[in-house]
Amino acid sequence: MRAGLARRQVFAIAVAGLFGKAAFASPLAQAELDKILAGRPAKEGVVKLDLPAIAENGLVVPLNVEADSPMTAASYVRSIAIIADTNPNPLVATFRFTPASGRAAASTRIRLAETQNIIAIAEMSDGTLYTTKAEVKVTIGGCGG
């Protein structure tokens, strides 16, 4: 069991370095991130998030995400996951792509309970992960408790 604990500690340190804090504010968000990463490192770059810096209403926050990578049969963006780190349901969206998609991009509206970080994780067809984050300040909550 100690080896498992050590791996978790190392992972928490890696997440802290990548996202700039000790861990996510929510254990639920951390659990979602653990599932997506599956022990793999995530690099910054490739994936871009477009969100408002301030959302007056957390019920409808527009989100645009894209991964700047050529979509070929040999290398393409397989999926992009969106995590809201303090939402009651932190995994707010997962978009899946194929080489036929042409471009790995999606737009939607998400609900945010409060001011928080939104994290996008893109998985490439070879298993490589890329990530980015953006903070959204919410003036009126949208998810309830």
N, C-alpha and C. Protein backbone atom coordinates (compact mmCIF):
# COMPACT_ATOMS: atom_id res chain seq x y z
N MET A 1 0.80 -1.21 0.00
CA MET A 1 0.00 0.00 0.00
C MET A 1 0.85 1.27 0.00
N ARG A 2 2.01 1.22 0.61
CA ARG A 2 2.84 2.41 0.66
C ARG A 2 3.27 2.87 -0.72
N ALA A 3 3.52 1.94 -1.62
CA ALA A 3 3.90 2.31 -2.99
C ALA A 3 2.78 3.10 -3.65
N GLY A 4 1.51 2.70 -3.41
CA GLY A 4 0.37 3.43 -3.95
C GLY A 4 0.29 4.83 -3.40
N LEU A 5 0.55 4.97 -2.11
CA LEU A 5 0.52 6.28 -1.49
C LEU A 5 1.62 7.16 -2.06
N ALA A 6 2.80 6.60 -2.25
CA ALA A 6 3.90 7.37 -2.82
C ALA A 6 3.56 7.84 -4.23
N ARG A 7 2.94 6.98 -5.04
CA ARG A 7 2.54 7.38 -6.39
C ARG A 7 1.54 8.52 -6.34
N ARG A 8 0.61 8.45 -5.41
CA ARG A 8 -0.38 9.54 -5.28
C ARG A 8 0.28 10.84 -4.87
N GLN A 9 1.25 10.75 -3.96
CA GLN A 9 1.96 11.96 -3.55
C GLN A 9 2.71 12.57 -4.72
N VAL A 10 3.40 11.73 -5.49
CA VAL A 10 4.12 12.22 -6.66
C VAL A 10 3.15 12.84 -7.65
N PHE A 11 2.00 12.21 -7.85
CA PHE A 11 0.99 12.73 -8.77
C PHE A 11 0.48 14.09 -8.28
N ALA A 12 0.22 14.20 -6.97
CA ALA A 12 -0.27 15.47 -6.42
C ALA A 12 0.75 16.58 -6.64
N ILE A 13 2.02 16.27 -6.48
CA ILE A 13 3.07 17.26 -6.72
C ILE A 13 3.10 17.66 -8.19
N ALA A 14 2.95 16.68 -9.09
CA ALA A 14 2.94 16.97 -10.54
C ALA A 14 1.75 17.84 -10.90
N VAL A 15 0.58 17.54 -10.33
CA VAL A 15 -0.62 18.35 -10.59
C VAL A 15 -0.41 19.76 -10.06
N ALA A 16 0.21 19.86 -8.88
CA ALA A 16 0.47 21.17 -8.29
C ALA A 16 1.35 22.00 -9.21
N GLY A 17 2.38 21.38 -9.77
CA GLY A 17 3.26 22.10 -10.68
C GLY A 17 2.56 22.51 -11.96
N LEU A 18 1.69 21.65 -12.46
CA LEU A 18 1.00 21.93 -13.72
C LEU A 18 -0.10 22.96 -13.55
N PHE A 19 -0.88 22.83 -12.50
CA PHE A 19 -2.03 23.71 -12.33
C PHE A 19 -1.82 24.81 -11.31
N GLY A 20 -0.66 24.84 -10.63
CA GLY A 20 -0.34 25.94 -9.74
C GLY A 20 -1.02 25.89 -8.39
N LYS A 21 -1.49 24.76 -7.94
CA LYS A 21 -2.02 24.64 -6.59
C LYS A 21 -1.81 23.22 -6.10
N ALA A 22 -1.97 23.01 -4.81
CA ALA A 22 -1.60 21.73 -4.20
C ALA A 22 -2.40 20.57 -4.76
N ALA A 23 -3.63 20.78 -5.05
CA ALA A 23 -4.50 19.76 -5.64
C ALA A 23 -5.77 20.49 -6.01
N PHE A 24 -6.73 19.77 -6.53
CA PHE A 24 -7.99 20.43 -6.85
C PHE A 24 -8.75 20.75 -5.58
N ALA A 25 -9.61 21.75 -5.64
CA ALA A 25 -10.41 22.14 -4.50
C ALA A 25 -11.38 21.02 -4.11
N SER A 26 -11.72 20.18 -5.04
CA SER A 26 -12.71 19.13 -4.81
C SER A 26 -12.10 17.75 -5.01
N PRO A 27 -12.35 16.83 -4.07
CA PRO A 27 -11.89 15.45 -4.28
C PRO A 27 -12.56 14.81 -5.49
N LEU A 28 -13.78 15.25 -5.82
CA LEU A 28 -14.48 14.73 -7.01
C LEU A 28 -13.72 15.11 -8.28
N ALA A 29 -13.25 16.35 -8.34
CA ALA A 29 -12.48 16.80 -9.51
C ALA A 29 -11.17 16.03 -9.60
N GLN A 30 -10.54 15.80 -8.46
CA GLN A 30 -9.29 15.03 -8.44
C GLN A 30 -9.53 13.61 -8.94
N ALA A 31 -10.64 13.01 -8.54
CA ALA A 31 -10.97 11.65 -8.98
C ALA A 31 -11.19 11.61 -10.50
N GLU A 32 -11.88 12.61 -11.04
CA GLU A 32 -12.09 12.67 -12.49
C GLU A 32 -10.76 12.82 -13.22
N LEU A 33 -9.89 13.69 -12.69
CA LEU A 33 -8.59 13.88 -13.31
C LEU A 33 -7.78 12.59 -13.27
N ASP A 34 -7.81 11.89 -12.14
CA ASP A 34 -7.10 10.61 -12.02
C ASP A 34 -7.56 9.61 -13.09
N LYS A 35 -8.88 9.56 -13.33
CA LYS A 35 -9.42 8.65 -14.34
C LYS A 35 -8.90 9.00 -15.74
N ILE A 36 -8.91 10.28 -16.06
CA ILE A 36 -8.51 10.72 -17.39
C ILE A 36 -7.01 10.52 -17.61
N LEU A 37 -6.21 10.92 -16.64
CA LEU A 37 -4.76 10.82 -16.80
C LEU A 37 -4.26 9.38 -16.72
N ALA A 38 -4.88 8.57 -15.90
CA ALA A 38 -4.48 7.15 -15.75
C ALA A 38 -2.97 7.00 -15.57
N GLY A 39 -2.40 7.89 -14.75
CA GLY A 39 -0.98 7.81 -14.46
C GLY A 39 -0.06 8.42 -15.50
N ARG A 40 -0.63 8.97 -16.57
CA ARG A 40 0.19 9.57 -17.64
C ARG A 40 0.40 11.06 -17.37
N PRO A 41 1.55 11.60 -17.77
CA PRO A 41 1.77 13.04 -17.59
C PRO A 41 1.01 13.83 -18.66
N ALA A 42 0.67 15.06 -18.33
CA ALA A 42 0.02 15.95 -19.30
C ALA A 42 0.92 17.16 -19.51
N LYS A 43 1.13 17.52 -20.77
CA LYS A 43 1.96 18.66 -21.12
C LYS A 43 1.07 19.85 -21.42
N GLU A 44 1.62 21.03 -21.22
CA GLU A 44 0.88 22.23 -21.60
C GLU A 44 1.05 22.46 -23.10
N GLY A 45 0.04 23.05 -23.70
CA GLY A 45 0.09 23.35 -25.12
C GLY A 45 -0.96 22.59 -25.89
N VAL A 46 -1.04 22.84 -27.16
CA VAL A 46 -1.93 22.22 -28.14
C VAL A 46 -3.40 22.58 -27.90
N VAL A 47 -3.91 22.41 -26.69
CA VAL A 47 -5.33 22.65 -26.43
C VAL A 47 -5.54 24.10 -25.97
N LYS A 48 -6.61 24.72 -26.50
CA LYS A 48 -6.94 26.11 -26.18
C LYS A 48 -8.37 26.21 -25.67
N LEU A 49 -8.56 26.98 -24.62
CA LEU A 49 -9.88 27.24 -24.06
C LEU A 49 -10.25 28.69 -24.29
N ASP A 50 -11.48 28.93 -24.67
CA ASP A 50 -11.99 30.29 -24.81
C ASP A 50 -13.23 30.39 -23.93
N LEU A 51 -13.08 31.11 -22.81
CA LEU A 51 -14.16 31.30 -21.84
C LEU A 51 -14.17 32.76 -21.42
N PRO A 52 -15.31 33.26 -20.95
CA PRO A 52 -15.30 34.63 -20.42
C PRO A 52 -14.54 34.66 -19.09
N ALA A 53 -13.81 35.73 -18.83
CA ALA A 53 -13.11 35.87 -17.55
C ALA A 53 -14.11 36.04 -16.41
N ILE A 54 -15.23 36.71 -16.71
CA ILE A 54 -16.29 36.92 -15.73
C ILE A 54 -17.60 36.46 -16.35
N ALA A 55 -18.30 35.56 -15.64
CA ALA A 55 -19.61 35.09 -16.09
C ALA A 55 -20.66 35.67 -15.14
N GLU A 56 -21.53 36.51 -15.66
CA GLU A 56 -22.55 37.12 -14.82
C GLU A 56 -23.56 36.10 -14.34
N ASN A 57 -23.75 35.03 -15.10
CA ASN A 57 -24.71 34.00 -14.73
C ASN A 57 -24.06 32.63 -14.92
N GLY A 58 -23.87 31.90 -13.82
CA GLY A 58 -23.23 30.59 -13.90
C GLY A 58 -24.07 29.54 -14.60
N LEU A 59 -25.34 29.83 -14.89
CA LEU A 59 -26.20 28.86 -15.57
C LEU A 59 -25.83 28.66 -17.04
N VAL A 60 -25.29 29.69 -17.66
CA VAL A 60 -24.98 29.61 -19.10
C VAL A 60 -23.63 30.28 -19.38
N VAL A 61 -22.57 29.52 -19.25
CA VAL A 61 -21.23 30.04 -19.51
C VAL A 61 -20.76 29.46 -20.85
N PRO A 62 -20.55 30.31 -21.86
CA PRO A 62 -20.11 29.80 -23.16
C PRO A 62 -18.67 29.29 -23.09
N LEU A 63 -18.43 28.17 -23.73
CA LEU A 63 -17.11 27.55 -23.74
C LEU A 63 -16.78 27.12 -25.16
N ASN A 64 -15.61 27.50 -25.62
CA ASN A 64 -15.07 27.03 -26.90
C ASN A 64 -13.74 26.37 -26.60
N VAL A 65 -13.52 25.21 -27.18
CA VAL A 65 -12.27 24.49 -26.98
C VAL A 65 -11.80 23.96 -28.32
N GLU A 66 -10.49 23.98 -28.52
CA GLU A 66 -9.94 23.39 -29.73
C GLU A 66 -8.52 22.91 -29.45
N ALA A 67 -8.12 21.93 -30.20
CA ALA A 67 -6.75 21.42 -30.12
C ALA A 67 -6.08 21.70 -31.44
N ASP A 68 -4.99 22.41 -31.37
CA ASP A 68 -4.23 22.81 -32.55
C ASP A 68 -3.29 21.69 -32.96
N SER A 69 -3.80 20.71 -33.64
CA SER A 69 -3.00 19.58 -34.06
C SER A 69 -3.54 19.08 -35.39
N PRO A 70 -2.66 18.72 -36.32
CA PRO A 70 -3.16 18.20 -37.59
C PRO A 70 -3.91 16.88 -37.39
N MET A 71 -5.04 16.76 -38.02
CA MET A 71 -5.86 15.55 -37.89
C MET A 71 -5.57 14.64 -39.08
N THR A 72 -4.72 13.63 -38.84
CA THR A 72 -4.42 12.64 -39.87
C THR A 72 -4.75 11.27 -39.31
N ALA A 73 -4.78 10.27 -40.15
CA ALA A 73 -5.08 8.92 -39.68
C ALA A 73 -4.03 8.43 -38.69
N ALA A 74 -2.79 8.91 -38.83
CA ALA A 74 -1.71 8.46 -37.95
C ALA A 74 -1.70 9.20 -36.61
N SER A 75 -2.11 10.45 -36.61
CA SER A 75 -2.07 11.26 -35.39
C SER A 75 -3.25 12.22 -35.37
N TYR A 76 -4.08 12.07 -34.38
CA TYR A 76 -5.24 12.95 -34.27
C TYR A 76 -5.65 13.11 -32.81
N VAL A 77 -6.48 14.10 -32.55
CA VAL A 77 -7.01 14.31 -31.21
C VAL A 77 -8.17 13.34 -31.03
N ARG A 78 -8.03 12.45 -30.07
CA ARG A 78 -9.06 11.44 -29.81
C ARG A 78 -10.21 12.03 -28.98
N SER A 79 -9.86 12.84 -27.96
CA SER A 79 -10.91 13.41 -27.11
C SER A 79 -10.40 14.64 -26.39
N ILE A 80 -11.34 15.45 -25.95
CA ILE A 80 -11.06 16.59 -25.07
C ILE A 80 -12.05 16.52 -23.92
N ALA A 81 -11.54 16.48 -22.71
CA ALA A 81 -12.38 16.47 -21.50
C ALA A 81 -12.30 17.84 -20.84
N ILE A 82 -13.43 18.27 -20.29
CA ILE A 82 -13.51 19.56 -19.61
C ILE A 82 -13.88 19.30 -18.15
N ILE A 83 -13.06 19.81 -17.23
CA ILE A 83 -13.31 19.65 -15.80
C ILE A 83 -13.46 21.02 -15.16
N ALA A 84 -14.52 21.20 -14.38
CA ALA A 84 -14.74 22.40 -13.57
C ALA A 84 -14.40 22.01 -12.14
N ASP A 85 -13.34 22.57 -11.59
CA ASP A 85 -12.74 21.99 -10.39
C ASP A 85 -13.52 22.09 -9.09
N THR A 86 -14.57 22.92 -9.00
CA THR A 86 -15.38 22.92 -7.77
C THR A 86 -16.86 22.66 -8.03
N ASN A 87 -17.21 22.28 -9.24
CA ASN A 87 -18.61 21.94 -9.53
C ASN A 87 -19.01 20.66 -8.80
N PRO A 88 -20.30 20.52 -8.47
CA PRO A 88 -20.77 19.27 -7.88
C PRO A 88 -20.53 18.06 -8.79
N ASN A 89 -20.62 18.27 -10.10
CA ASN A 89 -20.28 17.27 -11.12
C ASN A 89 -19.14 17.86 -11.95
N PRO A 90 -17.89 17.57 -11.57
CA PRO A 90 -16.76 18.26 -12.18
C PRO A 90 -16.51 17.97 -13.66
N LEU A 91 -16.81 16.77 -14.13
CA LEU A 91 -16.62 16.46 -15.56
C LEU A 91 -17.83 17.02 -16.31
N VAL A 92 -17.67 18.22 -16.86
CA VAL A 92 -18.81 18.89 -17.48
C VAL A 92 -19.01 18.53 -18.95
N ALA A 93 -17.96 18.05 -19.61
CA ALA A 93 -18.11 17.66 -21.02
C ALA A 93 -16.94 16.80 -21.46
N THR A 94 -17.22 15.91 -22.40
CA THR A 94 -16.18 15.15 -23.10
C THR A 94 -16.55 15.14 -24.57
N PHE A 95 -15.62 15.57 -25.39
CA PHE A 95 -15.83 15.60 -26.83
C PHE A 95 -14.92 14.56 -27.47
N ARG A 96 -15.45 13.76 -28.38
CA ARG A 96 -14.67 12.72 -29.04
C ARG A 96 -14.53 13.06 -30.53
N PHE A 97 -13.35 12.74 -31.06
CA PHE A 97 -13.04 13.07 -32.45
C PHE A 97 -12.44 11.87 -33.16
N THR A 98 -12.46 11.90 -34.48
CA THR A 98 -11.83 10.89 -35.34
C THR A 98 -11.01 11.64 -36.39
N PRO A 99 -10.20 10.95 -37.16
CA PRO A 99 -9.48 11.64 -38.24
C PRO A 99 -10.44 12.31 -39.22
N ALA A 100 -11.64 11.77 -39.35
CA ALA A 100 -12.62 12.36 -40.26
C ALA A 100 -13.21 13.67 -39.73
N SER A 101 -12.98 13.97 -38.47
CA SER A 101 -13.50 15.21 -37.89
C SER A 101 -12.91 16.44 -38.56
N GLY A 102 -11.70 16.29 -39.08
CA GLY A 102 -11.06 17.41 -39.76
C GLY A 102 -10.43 18.39 -38.81
N ARG A 103 -11.12 18.74 -37.76
CA ARG A 103 -10.63 19.72 -36.79
C ARG A 103 -11.17 19.34 -35.43
N ALA A 104 -10.33 19.39 -34.40
CA ALA A 104 -10.75 19.07 -33.04
C ALA A 104 -11.18 20.36 -32.35
N ALA A 105 -12.47 20.68 -32.49
CA ALA A 105 -13.01 21.90 -31.90
C ALA A 105 -14.46 21.67 -31.52
N ALA A 106 -14.87 22.32 -30.44
CA ALA A 106 -16.26 22.20 -29.99
C ALA A 106 -16.67 23.46 -29.23
N SER A 107 -17.96 23.73 -29.25
CA SER A 107 -18.53 24.85 -28.51
C SER A 107 -19.75 24.35 -27.76
N THR A 108 -19.93 24.86 -26.57
CA THR A 108 -21.08 24.49 -25.76
C THR A 108 -21.29 25.56 -24.69
N ARG A 109 -22.28 25.35 -23.87
CA ARG A 109 -22.49 26.19 -22.69
C ARG A 109 -22.45 25.27 -21.48
N ILE A 110 -21.78 25.72 -20.43
CA ILE A 110 -21.67 24.91 -19.23
C ILE A 110 -22.23 25.66 -18.04
N ARG A 111 -22.54 24.90 -16.99
CA ARG A 111 -23.00 25.49 -15.72
C ARG A 111 -21.84 25.49 -14.75
N LEU A 112 -21.68 26.60 -14.05
CA LEU A 112 -20.64 26.71 -13.04
C LEU A 112 -21.28 27.15 -11.73
N ALA A 113 -20.98 26.44 -10.65
CA ALA A 113 -21.55 26.73 -9.34
C ALA A 113 -20.96 27.99 -8.73
N GLU A 114 -19.69 28.26 -9.02
CA GLU A 114 -19.00 29.39 -8.41
C GLU A 114 -17.74 29.69 -9.20
N THR A 115 -17.00 30.71 -8.79
CA THR A 115 -15.73 31.02 -9.41
C THR A 115 -14.80 29.82 -9.28
N GLN A 116 -14.18 29.43 -10.39
CA GLN A 116 -13.34 28.23 -10.37
C GLN A 116 -12.49 28.14 -11.62
N ASN A 117 -11.60 27.14 -11.60
CA ASN A 117 -10.76 26.84 -12.76
C ASN A 117 -11.46 25.84 -13.65
N ILE A 118 -11.35 26.05 -14.94
CA ILE A 118 -11.83 25.11 -15.94
C ILE A 118 -10.59 24.52 -16.59
N ILE A 119 -10.51 23.20 -16.61
CA ILE A 119 -9.35 22.50 -17.13
C ILE A 119 -9.77 21.70 -18.35
N ALA A 120 -9.01 21.83 -19.43
CA ALA A 120 -9.24 21.04 -20.64
C ALA A 120 -8.07 20.09 -20.82
N ILE A 121 -8.38 18.82 -21.07
CA ILE A 121 -7.34 17.81 -21.30
C ILE A 121 -7.62 17.14 -22.63
N ALA A 122 -6.68 17.28 -23.55
CA ALA A 122 -6.80 16.66 -24.88
C ALA A 122 -5.96 15.40 -24.91
N GLU A 123 -6.56 14.30 -25.38
CA GLU A 123 -5.84 13.05 -25.55
C GLU A 123 -5.63 12.80 -27.03
N MET A 124 -4.37 12.59 -27.41
CA MET A 124 -4.03 12.30 -28.79
C MET A 124 -4.20 10.81 -29.06
N SER A 125 -4.21 10.43 -30.32
CA SER A 125 -4.38 9.02 -30.69
C SER A 125 -3.25 8.14 -30.18
N ASP A 126 -2.08 8.71 -29.93
CA ASP A 126 -0.96 7.92 -29.41
C ASP A 126 -0.93 7.89 -27.88
N GLY A 127 -1.95 8.49 -27.23
CA GLY A 127 -2.03 8.48 -25.77
C GLY A 127 -1.42 9.69 -25.10
N THR A 128 -0.74 10.54 -25.85
CA THR A 128 -0.17 11.77 -25.29
C THR A 128 -1.27 12.68 -24.82
N LEU A 129 -1.06 13.35 -23.69
CA LEU A 129 -2.06 14.26 -23.13
C LEU A 129 -1.52 15.69 -23.12
N TYR A 130 -2.40 16.63 -23.43
CA TYR A 130 -2.09 18.05 -23.36
C TYR A 130 -3.19 18.73 -22.56
N THR A 131 -2.84 19.80 -21.87
CA THR A 131 -3.81 20.46 -21.02
C THR A 131 -3.63 21.96 -20.99
N THR A 132 -4.67 22.62 -20.55
CA THR A 132 -4.64 24.05 -20.27
C THR A 132 -5.73 24.33 -19.26
N LYS A 133 -5.71 25.52 -18.68
CA LYS A 133 -6.76 25.89 -17.73
C LYS A 133 -7.08 27.37 -17.87
N ALA A 134 -8.26 27.74 -17.40
CA ALA A 134 -8.68 29.13 -17.37
C ALA A 134 -9.57 29.32 -16.16
N GLU A 135 -9.45 30.47 -15.52
CA GLU A 135 -10.32 30.77 -14.38
C GLU A 135 -11.51 31.58 -14.86
N VAL A 136 -12.69 31.23 -14.35
CA VAL A 136 -13.90 31.98 -14.64
C VAL A 136 -14.48 32.46 -13.32
N LYS A 137 -14.69 33.76 -13.22
CA LYS A 137 -15.30 34.34 -12.02
C LYS A 137 -16.80 34.38 -12.25
N VAL A 138 -17.55 33.72 -11.37
CA VAL A 138 -19.01 33.65 -11.51
C VAL A 138 -19.63 34.59 -10.49
N THR A 139 -20.53 35.48 -10.95
CA THR A 139 -21.17 36.40 -10.02
C THR A 139 -22.49 35.85 -9.50
N ILE A 140 -23.18 35.01 -10.27
CA ILE A 140 -24.40 34.34 -9.83
C ILE A 140 -24.23 32.85 -10.12
N GLY A 141 -24.30 32.00 -9.09
CA GLY A 141 -24.07 30.56 -9.25
C GLY A 141 -25.12 29.90 -10.11
N GLY A 142 -24.75 28.72 -10.68
CA GLY A 142 -25.66 28.06 -11.58
C GLY A 142 -25.94 26.61 -11.30
N CYS A 143 -25.19 25.96 -10.41
CA CYS A 143 -25.36 24.52 -10.24
C CYS A 143 -26.13 24.14 -8.99
N GLY A 144 -26.28 25.00 -8.08
CA GLY A 144 -26.89 24.63 -6.82
C GLY A 144 -25.93 23.82 -5.99
N GLY A 145 -26.29 23.44 -4.81
CA GLY A 145 -25.38 22.72 -3.93
C GLY A 145 -25.49 21.31 -4.11
